C-alpha atoms as a PDB file:
ATOM      1  CA  UNK A   1      -0.031  -0.228   0.017  1.00  0.00           C
ATOM      2  CA  UNK A   2       1.372   3.226  -1.251  1.00  0.00           C
ATOM      3  CA  UNK A   3       1.368   6.260   1.851  1.00  0.00           C
ATOM      4  CA  UNK A   4      -0.690   9.372   0.950  1.00  0.00           C
ATOM      5  CA  UNK A   5       1.411  12.329  -0.041  1.00  0.00           C
ATOM      6  CA  UNK A   6       0.510  15.547   1.330  1.00  0.00           C
ATOM      7  CA  UNK A   7       1.888  17.916  -0.763  1.00  0.00           C
ATOM      8  CA  UNK A   8      -0.141  20.633  -0.365  1.00  0.00           C
ATOM      9  CA  UNK A   9      -0.421  20.418   3.659  1.00  0.00           C
ATOM     10  CA  UNK A  10       3.505  19.852   4.074  1.00  0.00           C
ATOM     11  CA  UNK A  11       4.316  22.883   1.788  1.00  0.00           C
ATOM     12  CA  UNK A  12       2.282  25.181   4.034  1.00  0.00           C
ATOM     13  CA  UNK A  13       3.627  23.483   7.789  1.00  0.00           C
ATOM     14  CA  UNK A  14       5.788  26.733   7.867  1.00  0.00           C
ATOM     15  CA  UNK A  15       2.608  28.840   7.158  1.00  0.00           C
ATOM     16  CA  UNK A  16       0.832  26.662   9.914  1.00  0.00           C
ATOM     17  CA  UNK A  17       4.195  27.658  11.916  1.00  0.00           C
ATOM     18  CA  UNK A  18       4.026  31.298  11.609  1.00  0.00           C
ATOM     19  CA  UNK A  19       0.201  31.970  12.006  1.00  0.00           C
ATOM     20  CA  UNK A  20       0.042  30.318  15.322  1.00  0.00           C
ATOM     21  CA  UNK A  21       3.663  32.195  16.065  1.00  0.00           C
ATOM     22  CA  UNK A  22       1.750  35.852  15.784  1.00  0.00           C
ATOM     23  CA  UNK A  23      -1.430  34.478  18.099  1.00  0.00           C
ATOM     24  CA  UNK A  24       1.351  33.547  20.771  1.00  0.00           C
ATOM     25  CA  UNK A  25       2.565  30.128  19.868  1.00  0.00           C
ATOM     26  CA  UNK A  26      -0.218  27.560  19.824  1.00  0.00           C
ATOM     27  CA  UNK A  27       0.949  24.067  19.234  1.00  0.00           C
ATOM     28  CA  UNK A  28      -2.803  22.242  19.902  1.00  0.00           C
ATOM     29  CA  UNK A  29      -4.142  24.764  16.928  1.00  0.00           C
ATOM     30  CA  UNK A  30      -1.355  23.381  14.586  1.00  0.00           C
ATOM     31  CA  UNK A  31      -2.540  19.529  15.177  1.00  0.00           C
ATOM     32  CA  UNK A  32      -5.783  20.301  14.704  1.00  0.00           C
ATOM     33  CA  UNK A  33      -5.488  22.225  11.560  1.00  0.00           C
ATOM     34  CA  UNK A  34      -3.107  18.763  10.554  1.00  0.00           C
ATOM     35  CA  UNK A  35      -5.946  16.600  11.375  1.00  0.00           C
ATOM     36  CA  UNK A  36      -8.381  18.285   9.694  1.00  0.00           C
ATOM     37  CA  UNK A  37      -6.467  17.798   6.341  1.00  0.00           C
ATOM     38  CA  UNK A  38      -4.516  14.024   6.674  1.00  0.00           C
ATOM     39  CA  UNK A  39      -6.919  10.894   6.105  1.00  0.00           C
ATOM     40  CA  UNK A  40      -8.720   8.768   8.809  1.00  0.00           C
ATOM     41  CA  UNK A  41      -5.151   6.398   9.027  1.00  0.00           C
ATOM     42  CA  UNK A  42      -2.704   8.815   9.385  1.00  0.00           C
ATOM     43  CA  UNK A  43      -4.928  10.972  11.515  1.00  0.00           C
ATOM     44  CA  UNK A  44      -4.623   7.600  13.733  1.00  0.00           C
ATOM     45  CA  UNK A  45      -1.193   8.063  13.885  1.00  0.00           C
ATOM     46  CA  UNK A  46      -1.157  12.011  15.161  1.00  0.00           C
ATOM     47  CA  UNK A  47      -3.697  10.923  17.631  1.00  0.00           C
ATOM     48  CA  UNK A  48      -1.538   8.242  18.757  1.00  0.00           C
ATOM     49  CA  UNK A  49       1.720  10.195  18.680  1.00  0.00           C
ATOM     50  CA  UNK A  50       0.272  12.638  21.445  1.00  0.00           C
ATOM     51  CA  UNK A  51      -1.115   9.649  23.382  1.00  0.00           C
ATOM     52  CA  UNK A  52       1.908  10.180  25.283  1.00  0.00           C
ATOM     53  CA  UNK A  53       0.566  13.557  26.551  1.00  0.00           C
ATOM     54  CA  UNK A  54      -2.711  11.306  27.738  1.00  0.00           C
ATOM     55  CA  UNK A  55      -0.475   8.983  29.641  1.00  0.00           C
ATOM     56  CA  UNK A  56       0.856  11.861  31.973  1.00  0.00           C
ATOM     57  CA  UNK A  57      -2.130  13.420  32.083  1.00  0.00           C
ATOM     58  CA  UNK A  58      -4.066   9.740  33.146  1.00  0.00           C
ATOM     59  CA  UNK A  59      -1.111   9.695  35.501  1.00  0.00           C
ATOM     60  CA  UNK A  60      -1.403  12.817  37.159  1.00  0.00           C
ATOM     61  CA  UNK A  61      -5.465  12.472  36.909  1.00  0.00           C
ATOM     62  CA  UNK A  62      -5.308   9.193  39.307  1.00  0.00           C
ATOM     63  CA  UNK A  63      -2.477  10.539  41.376  1.00  0.00           C
ATOM     64  CA  UNK A  64      -4.701  13.549  42.259  1.00  0.00           C
ATOM     65  CA  UNK A  65      -2.896  16.011  41.012  1.00  0.00           C
ATOM     66  CA  UNK A  66      -3.921  19.216  38.848  1.00  0.00           C
ATOM     67  CA  UNK A  67      -1.271  19.111  36.084  1.00  0.00           C
ATOM     68  CA  UNK A  68      -2.731  18.576  32.755  1.00  0.00           C
ATOM     69  CA  UNK A  69      -0.801  19.021  29.327  1.00  0.00           C
ATOM     70  CA  UNK A  70      -2.729  20.502  26.615  1.00  0.00           C
ATOM     71  CA  UNK A  71      -0.954  18.648  23.889  1.00  0.00           C
ATOM     72  CA  UNK A  72      -2.876  15.464  25.061  1.00  0.00           C
ATOM     73  CA  UNK A  73      -6.352  14.383  23.235  1.00  0.00           C
ATOM     74  CA  UNK A  74      -8.447  14.423  25.748  1.00  0.00           C
ATOM     75  CA  UNK A  75      -9.495  16.933  28.165  1.00  0.00           C
ATOM     76  CA  UNK A  76      -9.234  16.319  31.749  1.00  0.00           C
ATOM     77  CA  UNK A  77     -12.552  15.894  32.278  1.00  0.00           C
ATOM     78  CA  UNK A  78     -13.403  13.278  29.028  1.00  0.00           C
ATOM     79  CA  UNK A  79     -10.290  11.330  30.541  1.00  0.00           C
ATOM     80  CA  UNK A  80     -12.052  11.043  34.211  1.00  0.00           C
ATOM     81  CA  UNK A  81     -14.494   9.252  32.080  1.00  0.00           C
ATOM     82  CA  UNK A  82     -11.770   7.075  30.203  1.00  0.00           C
ATOM     83  CA  UNK A  83     -10.746   6.168  33.742  1.00  0.00           C
ATOM     84  CA  UNK A  84     -14.087   4.649  34.687  1.00  0.00           C
ATOM     85  CA  UNK A  85     -14.907   3.264  31.795  1.00  0.00           C
ATOM     86  CA  UNK A  86     -12.292   3.245  28.810  1.00  0.00           C
ATOM     87  CA  UNK A  87     -13.419   3.941  25.444  1.00  0.00           C
ATOM     88  CA  UNK A  88     -11.502   5.833  23.322  1.00  0.00           C
ATOM     89  CA  UNK A  89      -7.823   4.658  24.806  1.00  0.00           C
ATOM     90  CA  UNK A  90      -5.680   2.665  22.705  1.00  0.00           C
ATOM     91  CA  UNK A  91      -6.529  -1.065  23.369  1.00  0.00           C
ATOM     92  CA  UNK A  92      -3.079  -1.632  25.354  1.00  0.00           C
ATOM     93  CA  UNK A  93      -3.192   1.428  27.239  1.00  0.00           C
ATOM     94  CA  UNK A  94      -6.476   0.679  28.401  1.00  0.00           C
ATOM     95  CA  UNK A  95      -6.027  -2.449  29.566  1.00  0.00           C
ATOM     96  CA  UNK A  96      -3.769  -1.413  31.753  1.00  0.00           C
ATOM     97  CA  UNK A  97      -6.316   1.364  33.234  1.00  0.00           C
ATOM     98  CA  UNK A  98      -9.061  -1.367  33.245  1.00  0.00           C
ATOM     99  CA  UNK A  99      -6.806  -4.271  35.351  1.00  0.00           C
ATOM    100  CA  UNK A 100      -5.693  -1.350  37.968  1.00  0.00           C
ATOM    101  CA  UNK A 101      -9.214  -0.230  38.435  1.00  0.00           C
ATOM    102  CA  UNK A 102     -10.425  -3.877  38.739  1.00  0.00           C
ATOM    103  CA  UNK A 103      -6.865  -5.894  40.286  1.00  0.00           C
ATOM    104  CA  UNK A 104      -9.334  -9.249  40.269  1.00  0.00           C
ATOM    105  CA  UNK A 105     -10.734  -9.005  36.900  1.00  0.00           C
ATOM    106  CA  UNK A 106      -9.902 -10.224  33.388  1.00  0.00           C
ATOM    107  CA  UNK A 107      -7.337  -7.648  32.120  1.00  0.00           C
ATOM    108  CA  UNK A 108      -5.123  -7.938  35.100  1.00  0.00           C
ATOM    109  CA  UNK A 109      -4.317 -11.737  34.040  1.00  0.00           C
ATOM    110  CA  UNK A 110      -2.237  -9.875  31.874  1.00  0.00           C
ATOM    111  CA  UNK A 111      -0.926  -6.943  33.185  1.00  0.00           C
ATOM    112  CA  UNK A 112       1.554  -7.006  36.200  1.00  0.00           C
ATOM    113  CA  UNK A 113      -0.746  -4.637  38.547  1.00  0.00           C
ATOM    114  CA  UNK A 114       2.284  -4.852  41.500  1.00  0.00           C
ATOM    115  CA  UNK A 115       4.220  -2.888  39.722  1.00  0.00           C
ATOM    116  CA  UNK A 116       3.936   0.651  39.201  1.00  0.00           C
ATOM    117  CA  UNK A 117       1.077   2.231  37.384  1.00  0.00           C
ATOM    118  CA  UNK A 118       2.886   4.769  35.504  1.00  0.00           C
ATOM    119  CA  UNK A 119       5.126   1.859  34.102  1.00  0.00           C
ATOM    120  CA  UNK A 120       2.863  -0.527  32.985  1.00  0.00           C
ATOM    121  CA  UNK A 121       0.743   2.375  31.799  1.00  0.00           C
ATOM    122  CA  UNK A 122       3.957   3.900  29.606  1.00  0.00           C
ATOM    123  CA  UNK A 123       5.018   0.616  29.056  1.00  0.00           C
ATOM    124  CA  UNK A 124       1.626  -0.257  27.147  1.00  0.00           C
ATOM    125  CA  UNK A 125       1.756   2.793  25.551  1.00  0.00           C
ATOM    126  CA  UNK A 126       4.993   2.271  23.899  1.00  0.00           C
ATOM    127  CA  UNK A 127       3.926  -1.165  22.489  1.00  0.00           C
ATOM    128  CA  UNK A 128       1.113   0.555  21.007  1.00  0.00           C
ATOM    129  CA  UNK A 129       3.154   2.789  19.255  1.00  0.00           C
ATOM    130  CA  UNK A 130       5.539  -0.461  18.200  1.00  0.00           C
ATOM    131  CA  UNK A 131       2.575  -1.712  16.317  1.00  0.00           C
ATOM    132  CA  UNK A 132       1.860   1.486  14.640  1.00  0.00           C
ATOM    133  CA  UNK A 133       1.317   1.755  10.670  1.00  0.00           C
ATOM    134  CA  UNK A 134       3.796   4.421  10.197  1.00  0.00           C
ATOM    135  CA  UNK A 135       7.554   3.327   9.841  1.00  0.00           C
ATOM    136  CA  UNK A 136       8.459   7.141  11.598  1.00  0.00           C
ATOM    137  CA  UNK A 137       5.983   6.502  14.835  1.00  0.00           C
ATOM    138  CA  UNK A 138       7.979   3.026  14.872  1.00  0.00           C
ATOM    139  CA  UNK A 139      10.939   4.077  15.223  1.00  0.00           C
ATOM    140  CA  UNK A 140      10.460   7.219  17.322  1.00  0.00           C
ATOM    141  CA  UNK A 141       8.802   5.891  19.978  1.00  0.00           C
ATOM    142  CA  UNK A 142      11.427   3.276  20.169  1.00  0.00           C
ATOM    143  CA  UNK A 143      14.070   6.058  20.318  1.00  0.00           C
ATOM    144  CA  UNK A 144      11.939   8.281  22.841  1.00  0.00           C
ATOM    145  CA  UNK A 145      11.327   5.083  24.863  1.00  0.00           C
ATOM    146  CA  UNK A 146      15.245   4.201  25.041  1.00  0.00           C
ATOM    147  CA  UNK A 147      16.342   7.614  25.551  1.00  0.00           C
ATOM    148  CA  UNK A 148      13.475   8.130  28.401  1.00  0.00           C
ATOM    149  CA  UNK A 149      15.064   5.008  30.235  1.00  0.00           C
ATOM    150  CA  UNK A 150      18.758   5.563  29.747  1.00  0.00           C
ATOM    151  CA  UNK A 151      18.284   9.360  31.359  1.00  0.00           C
ATOM    152  CA  UNK A 152      16.149   7.558  34.291  1.00  0.00           C
ATOM    153  CA  UNK A 153      18.757   4.575  34.956  1.00  0.00           C
ATOM    154  CA  UNK A 154      21.385   7.314  34.983  1.00  0.00           C
ATOM    155  CA  UNK A 155      19.675   9.592  37.338  1.00  0.00           C
ATOM    156  CA  UNK A 156      18.669   6.245  39.398  1.00  0.00           C
ATOM    157  CA  UNK A 157      22.161   5.278  39.606  1.00  0.00           C
ATOM    158  CA  UNK A 158      23.646   8.576  40.818  1.00  0.00           C
ATOM    159  CA  UNK A 159      21.167   8.547  43.236  1.00  0.00           C
ATOM    160  CA  UNK A 160      21.511   4.896  44.616  1.00  0.00           C
ATOM    161  CA  UNK A 161      17.873   3.754  43.279  1.00  0.00           C
ATOM    162  CA  UNK A 162      17.267   0.549  42.024  1.00  0.00           C
ATOM    163  CA  UNK A 163      16.972   0.634  38.145  1.00  0.00           C
ATOM    164  CA  UNK A 164      14.866  -1.951  37.019  1.00  0.00           C
ATOM    165  CA  UNK A 165      12.515   0.443  39.136  1.00  0.00           C
ATOM    166  CA  UNK A 166      12.551   3.390  36.581  1.00  0.00           C
ATOM    167  CA  UNK A 167      13.156   1.511  33.488  1.00  0.00           C
ATOM    168  CA  UNK A 168       9.758   1.019  30.889  1.00  0.00           C
ATOM    169  CA  UNK A 169       9.072  -1.457  29.029  1.00  0.00           C
ATOM    170  CA  UNK A 170      11.428  -4.451  27.706  1.00  0.00           C
ATOM    171  CA  UNK A 171      13.621  -5.258  24.741  1.00  0.00           C
ATOM    172  CA  UNK A 172      17.158  -5.848  24.992  1.00  0.00           C
ATOM    173  CA  UNK A 173      18.342  -1.618  25.836  1.00  0.00           C
ATOM    174  CA  UNK A 174      15.596  -1.940  28.853  1.00  0.00           C
ATOM    175  CA  UNK A 175      17.415  -5.503  30.248  1.00  0.00           C
ATOM    176  CA  UNK A 176      20.537  -4.092  29.494  1.00  0.00           C
ATOM    177  CA  UNK A 177      20.275  -1.325  31.595  1.00  0.00           C
ATOM    178  CA  UNK A 178      19.217  -3.134  34.411  1.00  0.00           C
ATOM    179  CA  UNK A 179      21.468  -5.705  34.403  1.00  0.00           C
ATOM    180  CA  UNK A 180      25.062  -4.090  33.580  1.00  0.00           C
ATOM    181  CA  UNK A 181      27.712  -2.123  35.993  1.00  0.00           C
ATOM    182  CA  UNK A 182      29.254  -0.625  32.951  1.00  0.00           C
ATOM    183  CA  UNK A 183      29.756   3.238  32.986  1.00  0.00           C
ATOM    184  CA  UNK A 184      27.756   3.203  29.795  1.00  0.00           C
ATOM    185  CA  UNK A 185      25.752   0.424  30.744  1.00  0.00           C
ATOM    186  CA  UNK A 186      27.570  -1.201  27.736  1.00  0.00           C
ATOM    187  CA  UNK A 187      24.912   0.446  25.078  1.00  0.00           C
ATOM    188  CA  UNK A 188      28.038   3.097  23.506  1.00  0.00           C
ATOM    189  CA  UNK A 189      27.901   0.411  20.700  1.00  0.00           C
ATOM    190  CA  UNK A 190      23.788   0.383  20.283  1.00  0.00           C
ATOM    191  CA  UNK A 191      22.692   3.749  21.707  1.00  0.00           C
ATOM    192  CA  UNK A 192      25.069   6.734  19.613  1.00  0.00           C
ATOM    193  CA  UNK A 193      23.526   9.310  21.822  1.00  0.00           C
ATOM    194  CA  UNK A 194      24.401   7.988  25.455  1.00  0.00           C
ATOM    195  CA  UNK A 195      27.368   9.445  26.079  1.00  0.00           C
ATOM    196  CA  UNK A 196      25.209  12.925  25.445  1.00  0.00           C
ATOM    197  CA  UNK A 197      22.759  11.619  27.903  1.00  0.00           C
ATOM    198  CA  UNK A 198      24.973  10.865  30.626  1.00  0.00           C
ATOM    199  CA  UNK A 199      26.536  13.751  30.411  1.00  0.00           C
ATOM    200  CA  UNK A 200      24.177  15.684  30.526  1.00  0.00           C
ATOM    201  CA  UNK A 201      22.575  14.000  33.732  1.00  0.00           C
ATOM    202  CA  UNK A 202      25.706  13.409  35.671  1.00  0.00           C
ATOM    203  CA  UNK A 203      27.444  16.678  34.390  1.00  0.00           C
ATOM    204  CA  UNK A 204      24.764  19.236  34.614  1.00  0.00           C
ATOM    205  CA  UNK A 205      23.820  20.663  37.794  1.00  0.00           C
ATOM    206  CA  UNK A 206      21.499  22.858  36.377  1.00  0.00           C
ATOM    207  CA  UNK A 207      17.930  20.949  35.271  1.00  0.00           C
ATOM    208  CA  UNK A 208      17.058  23.133  32.613  1.00  0.00           C
ATOM    209  CA  UNK A 209      20.114  22.708  30.721  1.00  0.00           C
ATOM    210  CA  UNK A 210      20.396  19.218  30.825  1.00  0.00           C
ATOM    211  CA  UNK A 211      16.542  19.252  29.768  1.00  0.00           C
ATOM    212  CA  UNK A 212      17.955  21.070  26.853  1.00  0.00           C
ATOM    213  CA  UNK A 213      20.489  18.800  25.905  1.00  0.00           C
ATOM    214  CA  UNK A 214      18.309  16.174  26.027  1.00  0.00           C
ATOM    215  CA  UNK A 215      15.637  17.906  23.920  1.00  0.00           C
ATOM    216  CA  UNK A 216      18.529  18.506  21.488  1.00  0.00           C
ATOM    217  CA  UNK A 217      18.888  14.982  21.254  1.00  0.00           C
ATOM    218  CA  UNK A 218      15.702  14.351  20.190  1.00  0.00           C
ATOM    219  CA  UNK A 219      14.950  17.235  17.696  1.00  0.00           C
ATOM    220  CA  UNK A 220      18.331  15.611  15.733  1.00  0.00           C
ATOM    221  CA  UNK A 221      16.758  12.142  16.021  1.00  0.00           C
ATOM    222  CA  UNK A 222      12.802  13.158  14.637  1.00  0.00           C
ATOM    223  CA  UNK A 223      14.539  15.148  11.847  1.00  0.00           C
ATOM    224  CA  UNK A 224      17.194  11.986  10.931  1.00  0.00           C
ATOM    225  CA  UNK A 225      14.066   9.700  10.969  1.00  0.00           C
ATOM    226  CA  UNK A 226      12.289  11.541   8.596  1.00  0.00           C
ATOM    227  CA  UNK A 227      15.354  12.921   6.578  1.00  0.00           C
ATOM    228  CA  UNK A 228      13.814  11.218   3.094  1.00  0.00           C
ATOM    229  CA  UNK A 229      10.360  11.185   4.266  1.00  0.00           C
ATOM    230  CA  UNK A 230       9.055  14.482   2.079  1.00  0.00           C
ATOM    231  CA  UNK A 231       5.080  14.391   1.736  1.00  0.00           C
ATOM    232  CA  UNK A 232       3.877  11.610   3.948  1.00  0.00           C
ATOM    233  CA  UNK A 233       2.406  11.151   7.279  1.00  0.00           C
ATOM    234  CA  UNK A 234       5.996  10.389   8.236  1.00  0.00           C
ATOM    235  CA  UNK A 235       7.162  14.160   7.697  1.00  0.00           C
ATOM    236  CA  UNK A 236       4.108  15.133   9.142  1.00  0.00           C
ATOM    237  CA  UNK A 237       4.969  13.399  12.530  1.00  0.00           C
ATOM    238  CA  UNK A 238       8.384  14.494  12.537  1.00  0.00           C
ATOM    239  CA  UNK A 239       7.523  17.833  12.274  1.00  0.00           C
ATOM    240  CA  UNK A 240       5.217  17.550  14.877  1.00  0.00           C
ATOM    241  CA  UNK A 241       7.651  16.249  17.368  1.00  0.00           C
ATOM    242  CA  UNK A 242       9.683  19.249  16.946  1.00  0.00           C
ATOM    243  CA  UNK A 243       6.644  21.112  17.421  1.00  0.00           C
ATOM    244  CA  UNK A 244       6.130  19.740  20.517  1.00  0.00           C
ATOM    245  CA  UNK A 245       9.585  20.527  21.406  1.00  0.00           C
ATOM    246  CA  UNK A 246       9.368  24.026  20.332  1.00  0.00           C
ATOM    247  CA  UNK A 247       5.570  24.554  22.871  1.00  0.00           C
ATOM    248  CA  UNK A 248       7.711  22.971  26.165  1.00  0.00           C
ATOM    249  CA  UNK A 249      10.454  25.735  25.872  1.00  0.00           C
ATOM    250  CA  UNK A 250       7.921  28.766  24.857  1.00  0.00           C
ATOM    251  CA  UNK A 251       6.750  27.649  28.144  1.00  0.00           C
ATOM    252  CA  UNK A 252      10.242  27.269  30.143  1.00  0.00           C
ATOM    253  CA  UNK A 253      12.196  29.032  28.587  1.00  0.00           C
ATOM    254  CA  UNK A 254      10.875  31.777  26.183  1.00  0.00           C
ATOM    255  CA  UNK A 255      14.340  32.814  24.379  1.00  0.00           C
ATOM    256  CA  UNK A 256      14.899  28.976  23.753  1.00  0.00           C
ATOM    257  CA  UNK A 257      11.331  28.394  22.359  1.00  0.00           C
ATOM    258  CA  UNK A 258      11.676  31.591  19.933  1.00  0.00           C
ATOM    259  CA  UNK A 259      15.475  29.848  18.628  1.00  0.00           C
ATOM    260  CA  UNK A 260      14.194  26.593  18.614  1.00  0.00           C
ATOM    261  CA  UNK A 261      11.282  28.018  16.461  1.00  0.00           C
ATOM    262  CA  UNK A 262      13.400  29.644  14.171  1.00  0.00           C
ATOM    263  CA  UNK A 263      15.531  26.359  13.860  1.00  0.00           C
ATOM    264  CA  UNK A 264      12.682  24.552  12.706  1.00  0.00           C
ATOM    265  CA  UNK A 265      11.330  26.829  10.116  1.00  0.00           C
ATOM    266  CA  UNK A 266      14.950  27.262   8.626  1.00  0.00           C
ATOM    267  CA  UNK A 267      14.992  23.154   8.695  1.00  0.00           C
ATOM    268  CA  UNK A 268      11.772  23.628   6.394  1.00  0.00           C
ATOM    269  CA  UNK A 269      13.335  26.117   4.260  1.00  0.00           C
ATOM    270  CA  UNK A 270      15.857  23.682   3.643  1.00  0.00           C
ATOM    271  CA  UNK A 271      13.890  20.767   3.015  1.00  0.00           C
ATOM    272  CA  UNK A 272      11.818  22.911   0.515  1.00  0.00           C
ATOM    273  CA  UNK A 273      15.770  23.645  -1.392  1.00  0.00           C
ATOM    274  CA  UNK A 274      16.044  19.710  -1.744  1.00  0.00           C
ATOM    275  CA  UNK A 275      12.458  19.264  -2.897  1.00  0.00           C
ATOM    276  CA  UNK A 276      13.399  21.751  -5.932  1.00  0.00           C
ATOM    277  CA  UNK A 277      16.571  20.217  -6.990  1.00  0.00           C
END
């Protein structure tokens, strides 16, 4: 099956971003506009990308915290209903919600409810992304999970905590993080960014600077994974990952947010030049 090519939509991505910037950067408005333009299957992939924020919001809501990331697919009220009876969440995520709501129920037979809810929830989310139709989403979610696991493992080790408490999901990288005592967890040959993550976590006392360095690794990976995708959903998802990073830094550090926004626009210009060659 051939992927749908969104020539006009991709050509207008810069305009989407610029329009949002003039009103005070609004990532959610950009996502909504894109969802109106893509087909049903690709819209499902876009929503799955944003399912990460739904998981963050579910965890916060279940723990009684007021935090709610507006980039998620659901409002706080909608998620409250999903926690009672999941109907719209990805099935793997819904299964975890049902299992913890009823530890004696059928779903609890396939979910380890003895572990922290958040660990099982995000593990289920990444498992759902691993089965996505979009190549970008599959590869991005694997990268993002590994990056978060490495960062969490380095932090846990420095604090004297058990690494297995913080690692999400399974796979070779997760297992290596839990069993290796090497400084790089024996992963230098497999994860080219691991030294940069370890340095950011261990050497950077400024938490904002640490997060900025790690987000730059995310940014570069998002761009690289879609290097040869110009007009399909992979290109759109890569763009949205970077939009999410811009949105985060617009809130954390306005100056850095503007810098990343300018970089995104410059990269879109670069892609246009490539397409004209």
